[in-house]
Amino acid sequence: MVAGARWDRLTWGPRRRRRRMLRLLRELDRQDALASPPAWRAPPDLAYAVPPRPRRRTAVAVVPIVATLAITGGLLWVRGVADEHIDHVASIIPMSDTRPPVAADAQAGRLVPAPRAPSGSGGFDLLSTNAVSVAAYDPCRPLHLVVNHEAAPPSADVILRDAIAMVGPAAGLRIVLDGATDELAQSRRPPTDASRYGSRWSPALVAWTTPERVPVLDGDVAGVGGSVAVTDSSGHLHNVSGIVHLDGPALTELTRRRGGHEVAVAVVAHELVHLLGLAHTQESGQLMNAENSGQTTLGDGDRRGLALLADRPCAREL
């Protein structure tokens, strides 16, 4: 029994999670069928949660510290340990003489006003840090996104734009959609691709894909997000590229339900916030709570975390 539970935990119990997703969808169908339904409430988020399991609490949930590491293609890709949720990824690579030149659209100052953090403290955890800094994007240049529509729902572009409108101002970033790309989702994405994007850091890839192409999306994980961070000469971390992989078939089905658009936007916003640098939090009322059960907007803790990520100078070296 113990061996079986351990194996299920290590393999993420794909059949068990798929059954849970189907139960959630059936519950949505049941609510739709009611003659006089009560005010609709979003079900437990298909993207944020895997079935609850005992968690070991650390003082600060910093993924590169509590992680299983795998080196592939020269990149250090970080996955959470087995009892952590799996919809975020991150990597850190050292400063290199072969890095691209400074982007042509980098400015001398911020492009978007710095967000004002709500009063209070806590409510967020950070995805990647080192001894001197937190990994975040440069507020003095646009964050470019490209989109692959391989398995996109009909309303994919509207969902993404609504999610960007929610997250961008709270993060103090100008997020720019560069358009469609033929680049497909892959588990190990290099941070540069000169043949597609020229001599620059690759724009972050938003890929509407399938569990067959990205196995981590199997079951009730409807999205994965994270970034690649580079260290500068002083050791500070700067996010330079990243991914958001979305389960297109699952989100297509979700958008057909009453209130599904709002939940789908929340799913994509959740993964965009992983891209920007926040991990899951255990505090309730936050979009970044992995056990989310109805939160479709940023909470105060989410905003405090994004404001912390935004509180940084321009990245002069990158």
Protein backbone atom coordinates (compact mmCIF):
# COMPACT_ATOMS: atom_id res chain seq x y z
CA MET A 1 0.00 0.00 0.00
CA VAL A 2 2.82 2.41 0.93
CA ALA A 3 4.76 1.49 -2.21
CA GLY A 4 1.67 2.06 -4.34
CA ALA A 5 1.03 5.47 -2.81
CA ARG A 6 4.64 6.43 -3.36
CA TRP A 7 4.50 5.35 -7.00
CA ASP A 8 1.27 7.28 -7.54
CA ARG A 9 2.84 10.38 -6.04
CA LEU A 10 5.95 10.10 -8.21
CA THR A 11 3.89 9.60 -11.37
CA TRP A 12 1.41 12.32 -10.36
CA GLY A 13 -1.46 9.81 -10.44
CA PRO A 14 -2.58 10.69 -13.98
CA ARG A 15 -5.65 8.49 -14.02
CA ARG A 16 -6.77 9.77 -10.64
CA ARG A 17 -6.41 13.39 -11.76
CA ARG A 18 -8.25 12.76 -15.02
CA ARG A 19 -11.15 11.27 -13.06
CA ARG A 20 -11.20 14.39 -10.89
CA MET A 21 -11.34 16.63 -13.94
CA LEU A 22 -14.28 14.67 -15.30
CA ARG A 23 -16.08 15.02 -11.97
CA LEU A 24 -15.57 18.79 -12.09
CA LEU A 25 -16.94 18.99 -15.61
CA ARG A 26 -19.95 16.87 -14.65
CA GLU A 27 -20.63 19.25 -11.76
CA LEU A 28 -20.62 22.17 -14.19
CA ASP A 29 -23.08 20.28 -16.39
CA ARG A 30 -25.31 19.62 -13.36
CA GLN A 31 -25.38 23.34 -12.50
CA ASP A 32 -26.22 24.23 -16.09
CA ALA A 33 -29.15 21.80 -16.02
CA LEU A 34 -30.82 23.31 -12.94
CA ALA A 35 -34.06 25.11 -13.73
CA SER A 36 -33.34 28.01 -11.37
CA PRO A 37 -29.63 27.77 -10.63
CA PRO A 38 -28.03 29.76 -7.84
CA ALA A 39 -25.38 32.33 -8.68
CA TRP A 40 -22.65 30.42 -10.49
CA ARG A 41 -19.45 29.85 -8.59
CA ALA A 42 -16.30 28.75 -10.33
CA PRO A 43 -15.37 25.15 -9.52
CA PRO A 44 -11.98 24.25 -8.09
CA ASP A 45 -9.60 25.44 -10.79
CA LEU A 46 -8.64 22.76 -13.28
CA ALA A 47 -5.24 24.33 -13.78
CA TYR A 48 -4.12 25.21 -10.28
CA ALA A 49 -4.60 22.00 -8.37
CA VAL A 50 -3.55 18.44 -8.22
CA PRO A 51 -5.40 16.31 -5.63
CA PRO A 52 -4.55 17.44 -2.10
CA ARG A 53 -1.68 15.63 -0.49
CA PRO A 54 0.38 16.24 2.65
CA ARG A 55 2.80 19.11 2.11
CA ARG A 56 6.01 19.93 3.91
CA ARG A 57 6.03 23.64 4.70
CA THR A 58 9.28 25.55 4.25
CA ALA A 59 9.92 29.04 5.53
CA VAL A 60 9.94 30.42 1.99
CA ALA A 61 8.83 28.35 -0.99
CA VAL A 62 11.76 29.06 -3.32
CA VAL A 63 11.74 26.54 -6.12
CA PRO A 64 15.47 26.45 -6.95
CA ILE A 65 16.18 25.50 -3.31
CA VAL A 66 13.54 22.79 -2.76
CA ALA A 67 13.78 21.09 -6.10
CA THR A 68 14.96 18.14 -8.10
CA LEU A 69 17.43 19.43 -10.67
CA ALA A 70 18.04 18.13 -14.17
CA ILE A 71 20.68 19.51 -16.54
CA THR A 72 19.63 19.32 -20.19
CA GLY A 73 21.14 21.13 -23.14
CA GLY A 74 23.21 23.37 -20.87
CA LEU A 75 20.19 24.73 -18.99
CA LEU A 76 19.38 24.17 -15.36
CA TRP A 77 15.65 23.35 -15.31
CA VAL A 78 13.99 23.31 -11.94
CA ARG A 79 11.03 21.15 -10.97
CA GLY A 80 9.32 21.13 -7.61
CA VAL A 81 9.80 18.08 -5.40
CA ALA A 82 7.15 15.36 -5.56
CA ASP A 83 4.80 16.91 -3.02
CA GLU A 84 4.79 20.32 -4.74
CA HIS A 85 2.32 21.37 -7.42
CA ILE A 86 3.68 21.05 -10.91
CA ASP A 87 2.28 23.91 -12.99
CA HIS A 88 5.35 26.10 -12.61
CA VAL A 89 8.87 25.72 -14.00
CA ALA A 90 11.94 27.89 -13.77
CA SER A 91 15.59 27.85 -14.75
CA ILE A 92 18.70 29.84 -14.02
CA ILE A 93 21.68 30.06 -16.36
CA PRO A 94 24.92 31.94 -15.61
CA MET A 95 26.03 35.05 -17.42
CA SER A 96 27.56 34.13 -20.76
CA ASP A 97 29.71 35.95 -23.33
CA THR A 98 27.40 34.56 -26.01
CA ARG A 99 24.27 36.27 -24.70
CA PRO A 100 22.35 38.42 -27.22
CA PRO A 101 22.96 42.16 -27.47
CA VAL A 102 20.82 44.53 -25.42
CA ALA A 103 17.34 44.73 -26.95
CA ALA A 104 16.71 47.64 -29.29
CA ASP A 105 13.49 48.55 -27.46
CA ALA A 106 15.14 48.79 -24.03
CA GLN A 107 14.53 52.24 -22.52
CA ALA A 108 16.27 54.31 -19.87
CA GLY A 109 13.25 54.25 -17.57
CA ARG A 110 10.10 52.33 -16.76
CA LEU A 111 7.49 51.84 -19.49
CA VAL A 112 4.57 51.41 -17.07
CA PRO A 113 4.17 53.12 -13.69
CA ALA A 114 5.38 51.06 -10.77
CA PRO A 115 2.42 49.28 -9.14
CA ARG A 116 1.43 50.25 -5.65
CA ALA A 117 1.37 47.26 -3.31
CA PRO A 118 -1.72 46.90 -1.10
CA SER A 119 -1.12 47.38 2.59
CA GLY A 120 -0.33 44.31 4.64
CA SER A 121 2.24 41.58 4.17
CA GLY A 122 2.51 38.07 2.87
CA GLY A 123 0.19 36.24 0.54
CA PHE A 124 2.78 35.24 -2.04
CA ASP A 125 5.84 33.08 -2.63
CA LEU A 126 8.68 33.63 -5.09
CA LEU A 127 9.63 31.26 -7.85
CA SER A 128 13.38 31.92 -8.35
CA THR A 129 15.83 33.76 -6.11
CA ASN A 130 19.49 33.76 -5.20
CA ALA A 131 21.43 35.36 -2.37
CA VAL A 132 21.20 38.87 -3.80
CA SER A 133 18.03 39.18 -5.86
CA VAL A 134 14.71 37.88 -7.11
CA ALA A 135 14.30 36.79 -10.74
CA ALA A 136 11.98 39.20 -12.56
CA TYR A 137 11.56 40.90 -15.92
CA ASP A 138 13.06 44.29 -16.79
CA PRO A 139 10.43 47.04 -16.34
CA CYS A 140 12.29 49.22 -18.86
CA ARG A 141 11.51 47.12 -21.94
CA PRO A 142 8.44 45.32 -23.24
CA LEU A 143 7.87 41.68 -22.39
CA HIS A 144 7.25 40.09 -25.78
CA LEU A 145 4.95 37.09 -26.21
CA VAL A 146 4.39 34.88 -29.24
CA VAL A 147 1.47 32.47 -29.50
CA ASN A 148 1.17 28.99 -30.96
CA HIS A 149 -2.47 28.10 -31.72
CA GLU A 150 -1.97 24.36 -32.27
CA ALA A 151 -4.89 23.40 -29.99
CA ALA A 152 -6.38 26.80 -29.21
CA PRO A 153 -10.08 27.30 -28.37
CA PRO A 154 -11.98 29.72 -30.64
CA SER A 155 -11.78 32.48 -28.02
CA ALA A 156 -8.06 31.94 -27.28
CA ASP A 157 -6.93 35.42 -28.30
CA VAL A 158 -9.63 37.12 -26.24
CA ILE A 159 -8.78 34.96 -23.22
CA LEU A 160 -5.10 35.81 -23.49
CA ARG A 161 -5.70 39.53 -23.92
CA ASP A 162 -8.04 39.60 -20.91
CA ALA A 163 -5.42 37.77 -18.83
CA ILE A 164 -2.71 40.22 -19.91
CA ALA A 165 -4.98 43.14 -19.03
CA MET A 166 -5.37 41.67 -15.53
CA VAL A 167 -1.69 40.94 -14.92
CA GLY A 168 0.31 43.57 -16.83
CA PRO A 169 -0.57 46.74 -14.84
CA ALA A 170 -0.27 44.87 -11.52
CA ALA A 171 3.22 43.76 -12.57
CA GLY A 172 4.29 47.18 -13.85
CA LEU A 173 5.12 45.67 -17.26
CA ARG A 174 4.19 46.43 -20.84
CA ILE A 175 3.31 43.00 -22.23
CA VAL A 176 3.28 42.94 -26.04
CA LEU A 177 1.81 40.27 -28.31
CA ASP A 178 4.12 39.82 -31.28
CA GLY A 179 1.70 37.49 -33.07
CA ALA A 180 1.60 33.84 -34.05
CA THR A 181 4.58 31.48 -34.22
CA ASP A 182 5.13 28.00 -35.62
CA GLU A 183 7.19 27.10 -32.55
CA LEU A 184 5.53 24.19 -30.77
CA ALA A 185 5.53 23.55 -27.04
CA GLN A 186 8.48 21.50 -25.83
CA SER A 187 9.70 20.44 -22.41
CA ARG A 188 13.16 21.95 -22.81
CA ARG A 189 13.01 25.30 -24.62
CA PRO A 190 16.31 27.14 -25.17
CA PRO A 191 16.26 30.87 -24.32
CA THR A 192 17.46 31.90 -27.79
CA ASP A 193 16.38 30.79 -31.27
CA ALA A 194 18.18 32.90 -33.88
CA SER A 195 16.56 31.11 -36.82
CA ARG A 196 13.08 32.20 -35.65
CA TYR A 197 13.58 35.33 -33.60
CA GLY A 198 16.96 36.75 -34.59
CA SER A 199 19.78 37.79 -32.28
CA ARG A 200 17.79 38.37 -29.11
CA TRP A 201 16.29 36.49 -26.23
CA SER A 202 13.35 34.50 -27.53
CA PRO A 203 9.98 36.06 -26.75
CA ALA A 204 8.04 34.11 -24.16
CA LEU A 205 6.01 31.36 -25.81
CA VAL A 206 2.30 30.95 -25.06
CA ALA A 207 1.41 27.57 -26.56
CA TRP A 208 -2.13 26.19 -26.72
CA THR A 209 -1.12 22.55 -26.79
CA THR A 210 -2.14 19.05 -25.65
CA PRO A 211 -1.20 16.55 -22.93
CA GLU A 212 0.15 14.31 -25.67
CA ARG A 213 2.77 16.93 -26.52
CA VAL A 214 3.31 18.15 -22.94
CA PRO A 215 2.68 15.16 -20.63
CA VAL A 216 2.67 17.27 -17.47
CA LEU A 217 -0.71 18.63 -18.65
CA ASP A 218 -2.28 15.19 -18.29
CA GLY A 219 -5.06 15.04 -15.70
CA ASP A 220 -6.27 18.26 -14.10
CA VAL A 221 -3.18 20.41 -14.74
CA ALA A 222 -4.42 22.77 -17.45
CA GLY A 223 -1.39 25.05 -17.58
CA VAL A 224 2.35 25.32 -16.94
CA GLY A 225 4.33 28.55 -16.72
CA GLY A 226 7.81 29.76 -15.87
CA SER A 227 10.88 31.64 -17.05
CA VAL A 228 14.60 31.43 -17.70
CA ALA A 229 16.69 33.78 -15.56
CA VAL A 230 20.22 35.01 -16.29
CA THR A 231 22.72 36.35 -13.79
CA ASP A 232 24.45 39.64 -14.56
CA SER A 233 28.00 40.55 -13.56
CA SER A 234 26.88 41.48 -10.05
CA GLY A 235 24.99 38.22 -9.55
CA HIS A 236 21.50 39.71 -9.87
CA LEU A 237 18.85 37.60 -11.60
CA HIS A 238 16.90 38.77 -14.63
CA ASN A 239 14.16 36.82 -16.39
CA VAL A 240 14.83 36.87 -20.12
CA SER A 241 12.42 34.35 -21.70
CA GLY A 242 9.88 31.75 -20.71
CA ILE A 243 6.86 29.61 -21.49
CA VAL A 244 3.17 29.27 -20.80
CA HIS A 245 1.82 25.91 -21.95
CA LEU A 246 -1.96 25.57 -21.89
CA ASP A 247 -4.13 22.46 -22.28
CA GLY A 248 -6.14 23.55 -25.30
CA PRO A 249 -8.73 20.73 -25.29
CA ALA A 250 -9.46 21.10 -21.56
CA LEU A 251 -9.81 24.88 -21.77
CA THR A 252 -11.92 24.62 -24.91
CA GLU A 253 -14.33 22.39 -22.97
CA LEU A 254 -14.25 24.78 -20.04
CA THR A 255 -15.20 27.79 -22.18
CA ARG A 256 -18.41 26.03 -23.23
CA ARG A 257 -19.68 26.10 -19.63
CA ARG A 258 -21.50 28.97 -18.00
CA GLY A 259 -18.89 31.33 -16.57
CA GLY A 260 -16.16 29.36 -18.31
CA HIS A 261 -14.57 32.40 -19.96
CA GLU A 262 -13.83 34.02 -16.59
CA VAL A 263 -12.31 30.80 -15.26
CA ALA A 264 -10.24 30.31 -18.42
CA VAL A 265 -8.91 33.88 -18.10
CA ALA A 266 -8.00 33.14 -14.48
CA VAL A 267 -6.17 29.96 -15.57
CA VAL A 268 -4.10 31.88 -18.12
CA ALA A 269 -3.48 34.78 -15.72
CA HIS A 270 -2.29 32.28 -13.10
CA GLU A 271 0.27 30.87 -15.54
CA LEU A 272 1.34 34.34 -16.67
CA VAL A 273 2.07 35.20 -13.04
CA HIS A 274 4.25 32.07 -12.84
CA LEU A 275 6.01 33.37 -15.96
CA LEU A 276 6.61 36.69 -14.21
CA GLY A 277 8.10 35.06 -11.13
CA LEU A 278 5.58 34.08 -8.45
CA ALA A 279 5.18 30.53 -7.18
CA HIS A 280 2.16 29.05 -5.42
CA THR A 281 1.07 30.31 -2.06
CA GLN A 282 -0.86 28.46 0.62
CA GLU A 283 -2.76 31.59 1.63
CA SER A 284 -6.43 31.65 0.67
CA GLY A 285 -8.05 34.34 -1.46
CA GLN A 286 -5.12 34.51 -3.87
CA LEU A 287 -5.10 33.67 -7.57
CA MET A 288 -1.76 31.93 -6.96
CA ASN A 289 -3.18 29.56 -4.36
CA ALA A 290 -2.71 26.13 -5.94
CA GLU A 291 -5.93 24.84 -4.35
CA ASN A 292 -7.94 27.70 -5.85
CA SER A 293 -11.71 27.22 -5.58
CA GLY A 294 -13.31 30.15 -7.32
CA GLN A 295 -10.77 33.00 -7.26
CA THR A 296 -10.81 34.63 -10.70
CA THR A 297 -9.03 37.92 -9.92
CA LEU A 298 -5.74 38.89 -8.32
CA GLY A 299 -5.78 38.94 -4.53
CA ASP A 300 -3.95 41.40 -2.28
CA GLY A 301 -1.10 38.93 -1.78
CA ASP A 302 -0.76 38.39 -5.52
CA ARG A 303 -0.50 42.15 -6.00
CA ARG A 304 2.07 42.49 -3.23
CA GLY A 305 4.17 39.78 -4.87
CA LEU A 306 3.95 41.37 -8.32
CA ALA A 307 4.83 44.77 -6.86
CA LEU A 308 7.93 43.26 -5.26
CA LEU A 309 8.97 41.77 -8.62
CA ALA A 310 8.45 45.17 -10.25
CA ASP A 311 10.63 47.01 -7.73
CA ARG A 312 13.91 46.81 -9.63
CA PRO A 313 16.15 49.01 -11.81
CA CYS A 314 16.59 48.68 -15.55
CA ALA A 315 18.71 45.75 -16.69
CA ARG A 316 21.63 47.58 -18.31
CA GLU A 317 23.69 44.52 -19.25
CA LEU A 318 20.97 42.40 -20.89
